[in-house]
Amino acid sequence: MSNHKYTELANKLREAIKTGVYIEGQKLPSENQLAIKTGYSRQTVRQAISVLEKEGLTSRIQGSGTYVKGVRLHREPTHNIAVVTTYIGEYIFPAILKGIDQVLAENGYTSMLSATRNRVDNERKVLMDLLNKPIDGLIVEGTKTALPNPNIDLYEQFGRLGIPVVFINGYYPKLKNIIYVVADDRCGGKMACEILLKKGHKRIAGIFKSDDIQGHRRYAGYAEALFKAELSVDDDNVMWYTTENRDSIIAGTILQVLSGCTAVVCYNDEVAYQVLKELQQQKSEIIQSIEIVSFDNSIIAKFSSTPYISLSNPKEKIGYLAASKMINILKNEKERSVVLPWSIE
C-alpha cells in the first residue's frame, strides 16, 4: 500500500511538471508543504521526490531545496524544423535562410518558414500555430528583443513539450538556458565608431533601433568608443527609432540629428540608405561631406551611389551554425551559444 502511495504521488508531481504547474528552475514546495497540500505523509512525499530525482526531473540542492530540472517528453520524429524570422524574402534574410536550409537538407530535415514582420502579435499567432504542428525543433529570430515580450509563456511551452529552440540575431534574456547564434553587436558598435574616430571625426552621430537588443548593444559600443576617445555622447546627435516609425523619424529629424556632425554610425544599411535618400531629397549640403559606417554589408551598401563602409558578419554562417546546433541538440548532444565577430571586407 505504501508503494502505491508514493508511486501515485510521483505520478501526480510528474504530471504537474509536464503540464507546467512547476516549470524548469522552479523550487518545489518543501516536504512539509507538499504533505499538507497533498494529504500524504512526509515519508511518502520524500519517496515520491526521490523517484523524480532518479528520473532526472528534479535536483536536490542541500540547504536550499528541490528544483525542477525540466522534462523532455518522448516525441516521434517528424523531420520538420520550424524557422521563424522577422522577415523572409528581403535584406539579409535570404542568406541566413540559405545557411539553415543547407544543414537541414544535409541531415534529412525540412524547414517550415514563417515571418513575424517584427510584431509580437504576429509572433504569438505563429507560435500558437506551431505548437499544434508536427515539428522537432524551432529556429527563431526574436521579435522586438529589447522590450518585455508577452510570448515568453509560449516559448516555455515548447520547452515543456520537449521541442528545442535555437535563437538567431537576438534572444530573450528572460528565458533560461537558451542557445543562440548572434553577432557581437557591442564590439561592432565600438568598431564602427573607432573607424570614424581614426579618420579624424570628433562629432559622430548615431542612429539606432530601440526595440531590438542589437540596437542597444551597438549603441553601447558606440558610446564606449567615444568615452575612450574622451568625447561625450550628445543626445541631440543620437536618434532612436522602432520598426514602425523608422522612415518618418529619419525624414523628420535627420538634419537636426546630424547638425554639427561630420560622421554617423547607422544601425544597418537600410537606415544608411534612408539617411542618404532624405539628405538628397532635402537637398542638404551635408550629403557631400558626411561619412557613414553601417552594418550588414548588404547589397544596399554595395550598390549605393554614395559609397560608405558597412561592417560584415557571416550571414550564411549564422544560419548554418544555428541549424547545426539544432541537429546536435536533437541528437542529445550538448551545445553552447556562439557570438560571431564583425569584420570589414
Protein backbone atom coordinates (compact mmCIF):
# COMPACT_ATOMS: atom_id res chain seq x y z
CA MET A 1 0.00 0.00 0.00
CA SER A 2 2.92 2.32 0.84
CA ASN A 3 4.48 1.64 -2.55
CA HIS A 4 1.19 2.51 -4.21
CA LYS A 5 1.03 5.84 -2.37
CA TYR A 6 4.47 7.18 -3.27
CA THR A 7 4.10 5.95 -6.86
CA GLU A 8 0.73 7.66 -7.04
CA LEU A 9 2.19 10.92 -5.71
CA ALA A 10 5.22 10.68 -8.03
CA ASN A 11 2.82 10.35 -10.97
CA LYS A 12 0.92 13.45 -9.86
CA LEU A 13 4.11 15.50 -9.43
CA ARG A 14 5.47 14.28 -12.76
CA GLU A 15 2.28 15.36 -14.50
CA ALA A 16 2.44 18.75 -12.75
CA ILE A 17 5.93 19.26 -14.18
CA LYS A 18 4.91 18.15 -17.67
CA THR A 19 1.91 20.47 -17.76
CA GLY A 20 3.82 23.46 -16.44
CA VAL A 21 2.41 23.69 -12.93
CA TYR A 22 6.06 23.56 -11.90
CA ILE A 23 8.45 24.90 -14.55
CA GLU A 24 12.15 24.39 -15.15
CA GLY A 25 14.27 26.03 -12.48
CA GLN A 26 11.36 26.44 -10.08
CA LYS A 27 11.75 25.31 -6.48
CA LEU A 28 9.24 22.68 -5.38
CA PRO A 29 7.33 23.18 -2.12
CA SER A 30 9.08 21.68 0.91
CA GLU A 31 8.26 18.16 2.09
CA ASN A 32 6.10 19.62 4.87
CA GLN A 33 4.26 21.88 2.42
CA LEU A 34 3.67 19.04 -0.04
CA ALA A 35 2.48 16.77 2.76
CA ILE A 36 -0.06 19.36 3.90
CA LYS A 37 -1.09 20.18 0.31
CA THR A 38 -1.47 16.59 -0.91
CA GLY A 39 -2.51 14.78 2.29
CA TYR A 40 0.33 12.26 2.04
CA SER A 41 2.83 11.66 4.82
CA ARG A 42 6.28 13.26 4.75
CA GLN A 43 7.81 9.82 4.23
CA THR A 44 5.63 9.26 1.15
CA VAL A 45 6.49 12.73 -0.18
CA ARG A 46 10.21 12.03 0.33
CA GLN A 47 9.96 8.74 -1.57
CA ALA A 48 8.00 10.33 -4.44
CA ILE A 49 10.56 13.12 -4.86
CA SER A 50 13.33 10.52 -4.81
CA VAL A 51 11.65 8.84 -7.80
CA LEU A 52 11.61 12.13 -9.71
CA GLU A 53 15.29 12.72 -8.88
CA LYS A 54 16.22 9.29 -10.28
CA GLU A 55 14.28 10.13 -13.44
CA GLY A 56 16.24 13.38 -13.80
CA LEU A 57 13.19 15.59 -13.43
CA THR A 58 14.30 17.25 -10.19
CA SER A 59 17.52 18.05 -8.42
CA ARG A 60 18.06 18.47 -4.68
CA ILE A 61 20.38 21.25 -3.53
CA GLN A 62 21.46 20.75 0.06
CA GLY A 63 20.31 23.55 2.31
CA SER A 64 18.16 25.08 -0.42
CA GLY A 65 15.54 22.58 -1.59
CA THR A 66 14.44 20.59 -4.63
CA TYR A 67 14.27 22.22 -8.05
CA VAL A 68 12.67 21.22 -11.34
CA LYS A 69 15.22 20.27 -13.99
CA GLY A 70 12.66 20.13 -16.78
CA VAL A 71 11.32 17.29 -18.86
CA ARG A 72 11.96 16.04 -22.35
CA LEU A 73 8.89 14.21 -23.49
CA HIS A 74 9.22 11.30 -25.88
CA ARG A 75 8.16 12.53 -29.30
CA GLU A 76 8.07 10.69 -32.59
CA PRO A 77 10.49 12.39 -35.04
CA THR A 78 8.83 14.40 -37.79
CA HIS A 79 11.98 15.72 -39.51
CA ASN A 80 10.37 19.14 -39.67
CA ILE A 81 12.12 22.20 -38.24
CA ALA A 82 10.15 25.44 -37.90
CA VAL A 83 12.12 28.55 -38.86
CA VAL A 84 10.66 31.89 -37.72
CA THR A 85 12.32 35.17 -38.70
CA THR A 86 11.10 38.75 -38.66
CA TYR A 87 11.22 38.84 -42.45
CA ILE A 88 11.93 36.21 -45.13
CA GLY A 89 12.47 37.40 -48.67
CA GLU A 90 14.29 40.67 -48.15
CA TYR A 91 17.51 42.26 -46.96
CA ILE A 92 19.90 39.81 -45.18
CA PHE A 93 17.38 37.04 -44.51
CA PRO A 94 17.76 35.01 -47.72
CA ALA A 95 21.44 34.46 -46.87
CA ILE A 96 20.62 33.34 -43.31
CA LEU A 97 17.90 31.01 -44.56
CA LYS A 98 20.26 29.57 -47.16
CA GLY A 99 22.66 28.52 -44.39
CA ILE A 100 19.82 26.96 -42.39
CA ASP A 101 18.41 25.06 -45.38
CA GLN A 102 21.82 23.68 -46.32
CA VAL A 103 22.31 21.99 -42.95
CA LEU A 104 18.73 20.80 -42.61
CA ALA A 105 18.71 19.28 -46.10
CA GLU A 106 22.02 17.51 -45.48
CA ASN A 107 20.52 15.90 -42.38
CA GLY A 108 17.17 14.93 -43.89
CA TYR A 109 15.10 17.73 -42.35
CA THR A 110 12.60 20.08 -43.96
CA SER A 111 12.19 23.72 -42.89
CA MET A 112 8.79 25.28 -42.26
CA LEU A 113 9.16 29.05 -42.75
CA SER A 114 7.17 31.79 -41.04
CA ALA A 115 7.67 35.54 -40.61
CA THR A 116 6.51 37.86 -37.82
CA ARG A 117 7.32 41.18 -39.51
CA ASN A 118 8.77 42.08 -36.11
CA ARG A 119 5.34 42.25 -34.45
CA VAL A 120 4.69 40.46 -31.17
CA ASP A 121 1.05 39.82 -32.07
CA ASN A 122 2.16 38.07 -35.26
CA GLU A 123 4.78 36.19 -33.28
CA ARG A 124 2.12 34.88 -30.92
CA LYS A 125 -0.08 33.69 -33.78
CA VAL A 126 2.87 31.91 -35.41
CA LEU A 127 3.99 30.24 -32.17
CA MET A 128 0.48 29.10 -31.23
CA ASP A 129 0.08 27.61 -34.69
CA LEU A 130 3.42 25.80 -34.44
CA LEU A 131 2.53 24.31 -31.05
CA ASN A 132 -0.06 22.27 -32.94
CA LYS A 133 2.22 21.39 -35.85
CA PRO A 134 4.42 18.26 -36.17
CA ILE A 135 7.87 19.79 -35.62
CA ASP A 136 11.05 18.56 -33.97
CA GLY A 137 12.58 21.96 -33.24
CA LEU A 138 12.32 25.73 -33.65
CA ILE A 139 14.94 28.16 -35.01
CA VAL A 140 13.72 31.67 -34.34
CA GLU A 141 14.71 35.29 -34.59
CA GLY A 142 13.19 37.04 -31.61
CA THR A 143 10.71 39.87 -32.14
CA LYS A 144 11.47 43.25 -30.53
CA THR A 145 14.00 41.63 -28.20
CA ALA A 146 14.74 44.86 -26.33
CA LEU A 147 11.18 45.02 -24.99
CA PRO A 148 9.37 42.82 -22.45
CA ASN A 149 7.93 40.00 -24.54
CA PRO A 150 4.37 38.78 -23.89
CA ASN A 151 5.05 35.47 -25.63
CA ILE A 152 7.56 34.03 -23.15
CA ASP A 153 4.90 31.59 -21.96
CA LEU A 154 4.72 30.03 -25.42
CA TYR A 155 8.48 29.57 -25.63
CA GLU A 156 8.33 27.88 -22.23
CA GLN A 157 5.57 25.64 -23.57
CA PHE A 158 7.88 24.46 -26.36
CA GLY A 159 10.36 23.50 -23.67
CA ARG A 160 7.77 21.53 -21.74
CA LEU A 161 6.85 19.69 -24.93
CA GLY A 162 10.46 18.72 -25.48
CA ILE A 163 10.84 20.92 -28.58
CA PRO A 164 14.26 22.63 -28.54
CA VAL A 165 14.58 26.29 -29.55
CA VAL A 166 17.65 27.96 -31.06
CA PHE A 167 17.68 31.77 -31.41
CA ILE A 168 19.43 33.81 -34.10
CA ASN A 169 20.40 37.52 -34.18
CA GLY A 170 18.75 38.22 -30.82
CA TYR A 171 17.12 36.41 -27.92
CA TYR A 172 15.01 36.98 -24.81
CA PRO A 173 17.16 37.27 -21.66
CA LYS A 174 14.18 36.22 -19.53
CA LEU A 175 14.34 32.69 -20.95
CA LYS A 176 16.75 30.40 -19.12
CA ASN A 177 19.36 28.05 -20.55
CA ILE A 178 18.80 29.14 -24.13
CA ILE A 179 21.04 28.51 -27.13
CA TYR A 180 21.65 31.35 -29.58
CA VAL A 181 23.84 32.42 -32.52
CA VAL A 182 24.32 36.18 -32.63
CA ALA A 183 26.78 38.84 -33.77
CA ASP A 184 28.94 40.68 -31.23
CA ASP A 185 26.96 43.88 -31.54
CA ARG A 186 28.63 45.80 -28.73
CA CYS A 187 32.05 45.24 -30.28
CA GLY A 188 30.53 46.04 -33.66
CA GLY A 189 29.26 49.39 -32.45
CA LYS A 190 32.64 50.16 -30.96
CA MET A 191 34.42 49.14 -34.18
CA ALA A 192 32.13 51.30 -36.32
CA CYS A 193 32.75 54.38 -34.20
CA GLU A 194 36.50 53.76 -33.97
CA ILE A 195 36.75 53.64 -37.78
CA LEU A 196 35.38 57.18 -37.89
CA LEU A 197 37.50 58.36 -34.97
CA LYS A 198 40.65 57.15 -36.74
CA LYS A 199 39.60 59.24 -39.75
CA GLY A 200 39.69 62.31 -37.51
CA HIS A 201 35.99 62.74 -36.82
CA LYS A 202 35.09 64.10 -33.38
CA ARG A 203 31.37 64.83 -33.76
CA ILE A 204 29.84 61.47 -34.65
CA ALA A 205 26.08 60.97 -34.67
CA GLY A 206 24.37 57.64 -34.11
CA ILE A 207 21.11 56.14 -35.35
CA PHE A 208 19.95 53.00 -33.52
CA LYS A 209 16.94 50.72 -33.31
CA SER A 210 15.24 50.93 -29.93
CA ASP A 211 13.05 47.80 -29.97
CA ASP A 212 15.73 45.20 -30.77
CA ILE A 213 18.58 44.30 -28.41
CA GLN A 214 21.06 44.64 -31.28
CA GLY A 215 20.40 48.37 -31.38
CA HIS A 216 21.06 48.78 -27.67
CA ARG A 217 24.33 46.87 -27.88
CA ARG A 218 25.57 48.74 -30.94
CA TYR A 219 24.79 51.99 -29.14
CA ALA A 220 26.70 50.75 -26.07
CA GLY A 221 29.77 50.05 -28.22
CA TYR A 222 29.44 53.42 -29.97
CA ALA A 223 29.28 55.21 -26.62
CA GLU A 224 32.23 53.20 -25.28
CA ALA A 225 34.38 54.25 -28.24
CA LEU A 226 33.51 57.92 -27.72
CA PHE A 227 34.26 57.76 -23.99
CA LYS A 228 37.55 56.01 -24.71
CA ALA A 229 38.45 58.89 -27.04
CA GLU A 230 37.47 61.32 -24.25
CA LEU A 231 34.49 62.57 -26.24
CA SER A 232 30.96 62.91 -24.93
CA VAL A 233 27.76 61.30 -26.19
CA ASP A 234 25.43 64.12 -27.18
CA ASP A 235 21.78 63.07 -27.00
CA ASP A 236 20.92 65.65 -29.65
CA ASN A 237 23.04 63.67 -32.11
CA VAL A 238 21.56 60.26 -31.28
CA MET A 239 18.38 59.07 -32.97
CA TRP A 240 16.29 56.12 -31.79
CA TYR A 241 13.63 54.54 -33.97
CA THR A 242 11.34 51.50 -33.99
CA THR A 243 10.31 49.09 -36.70
CA GLU A 244 7.16 51.07 -37.40
CA ASN A 245 8.44 54.67 -37.37
CA ARG A 246 11.90 54.39 -38.95
CA ASP A 247 11.22 56.25 -42.20
CA SER A 248 9.12 59.02 -40.65
CA ILE A 249 11.60 59.61 -37.82
CA ILE A 250 14.53 59.86 -40.22
CA ALA A 251 12.60 62.13 -42.60
CA GLY A 252 11.53 64.46 -39.81
CA THR A 253 14.70 64.78 -37.75
CA ILE A 254 17.76 63.77 -39.77
CA LEU A 255 19.04 67.33 -40.33
CA GLN A 256 18.71 68.11 -36.64
CA VAL A 257 20.45 64.90 -35.58
CA LEU A 258 23.37 65.44 -37.99
CA SER A 259 23.72 69.13 -37.07
CA GLY A 260 27.37 69.89 -36.32
CA CYS A 261 28.43 66.31 -37.09
CA THR A 262 30.83 65.10 -39.77
CA ALA A 263 30.01 61.39 -39.49
CA VAL A 264 27.30 58.98 -38.38
CA VAL A 265 27.05 55.36 -37.26
CA CYS A 266 23.88 53.80 -38.72
CA TYR A 267 22.15 50.74 -37.26
CA ASN A 268 22.17 48.97 -40.63
CA ASP A 269 22.30 49.50 -44.40
CA GLU A 270 18.56 50.10 -44.63
CA VAL A 271 18.98 53.06 -42.28
CA ALA A 272 22.03 54.32 -44.17
CA TYR A 273 20.04 54.19 -47.41
CA GLN A 274 17.15 56.10 -45.86
CA VAL A 275 19.51 58.76 -44.45
CA LEU A 276 21.15 59.33 -47.84
CA LYS A 277 17.76 59.39 -49.55
CA GLU A 278 16.42 62.06 -47.18
CA LEU A 279 19.54 64.21 -47.44
CA GLN A 280 19.26 64.07 -51.21
CA GLN A 281 15.53 64.86 -51.24
CA GLN A 282 16.03 67.75 -48.83
CA LYS A 283 18.95 68.94 -50.98
CA SER A 284 21.18 69.16 -47.94
CA GLU A 285 24.84 70.01 -48.45
CA ILE A 286 25.64 67.58 -45.63
CA ILE A 287 25.42 64.71 -48.11
CA GLN A 288 28.65 65.92 -49.74
CA SER A 289 30.73 65.64 -46.57
CA ILE A 290 29.05 63.22 -44.13
CA GLU A 291 30.85 59.89 -43.64
CA ILE A 292 28.83 56.80 -42.76
CA VAL A 293 29.67 53.48 -41.17
CA SER A 294 26.86 50.94 -41.16
CA PHE A 295 26.21 47.24 -40.58
CA ASP A 296 25.44 44.12 -42.66
CA ASN A 297 27.45 44.82 -45.84
CA SER A 298 24.31 44.06 -47.82
CA ILE A 299 23.58 44.63 -51.49
CA ILE A 300 22.24 48.06 -50.46
CA ALA A 301 25.73 49.14 -49.39
CA LYS A 302 27.49 47.53 -52.36
CA PHE A 303 25.37 49.39 -54.91
CA SER A 304 24.94 52.69 -53.05
CA SER A 305 25.55 55.74 -55.26
CA THR A 306 27.24 57.32 -52.22
CA PRO A 307 29.95 54.90 -51.01
CA TYR A 308 30.21 54.14 -47.32
CA ILE A 309 31.72 51.50 -45.05
CA SER A 310 29.46 48.67 -43.91
CA LEU A 311 30.66 46.10 -41.39
CA SER A 312 30.13 42.49 -42.36
CA ASN A 313 29.14 39.38 -40.45
CA PRO A 314 28.83 35.89 -41.91
CA LYS A 315 25.09 35.77 -42.57
CA GLU A 316 25.08 32.28 -44.03
CA LYS A 317 27.27 31.13 -41.13
CA ILE A 318 24.69 32.37 -38.62
CA GLY A 319 22.06 30.19 -40.28
CA TYR A 320 24.49 27.30 -40.74
CA LEU A 321 25.56 27.31 -37.09
CA ALA A 322 22.01 27.67 -35.77
CA ALA A 323 20.83 24.68 -37.81
CA SER A 324 23.91 22.64 -36.86
CA LYS A 325 23.28 23.29 -33.19
CA MET A 326 19.64 22.27 -33.62
CA ILE A 327 20.67 18.97 -35.23
CA ASN A 328 23.15 18.29 -32.43
CA ILE A 329 20.55 19.03 -29.74
CA LEU A 330 18.15 16.59 -31.42
CA LYS A 331 20.94 14.01 -31.20
CA ASN A 332 21.07 14.71 -27.43
CA GLU A 333 24.46 16.37 -27.73
CA LYS A 334 25.32 19.34 -25.53
CA GLU A 335 25.51 22.69 -27.27
CA ARG A 336 26.70 26.20 -26.46
CA SER A 337 25.72 29.62 -27.68
CA VAL A 338 28.09 31.44 -30.01
CA VAL A 339 28.82 35.12 -30.61
CA LEU A 340 30.33 35.97 -34.01
CA PRO A 341 32.60 38.99 -34.69
CA TRP A 342 32.00 41.79 -37.16
CA SER A 343 34.64 42.49 -39.81
CA ILE A 344 35.50 44.83 -42.66
CA GLU A 345 35.62 43.19 -46.07
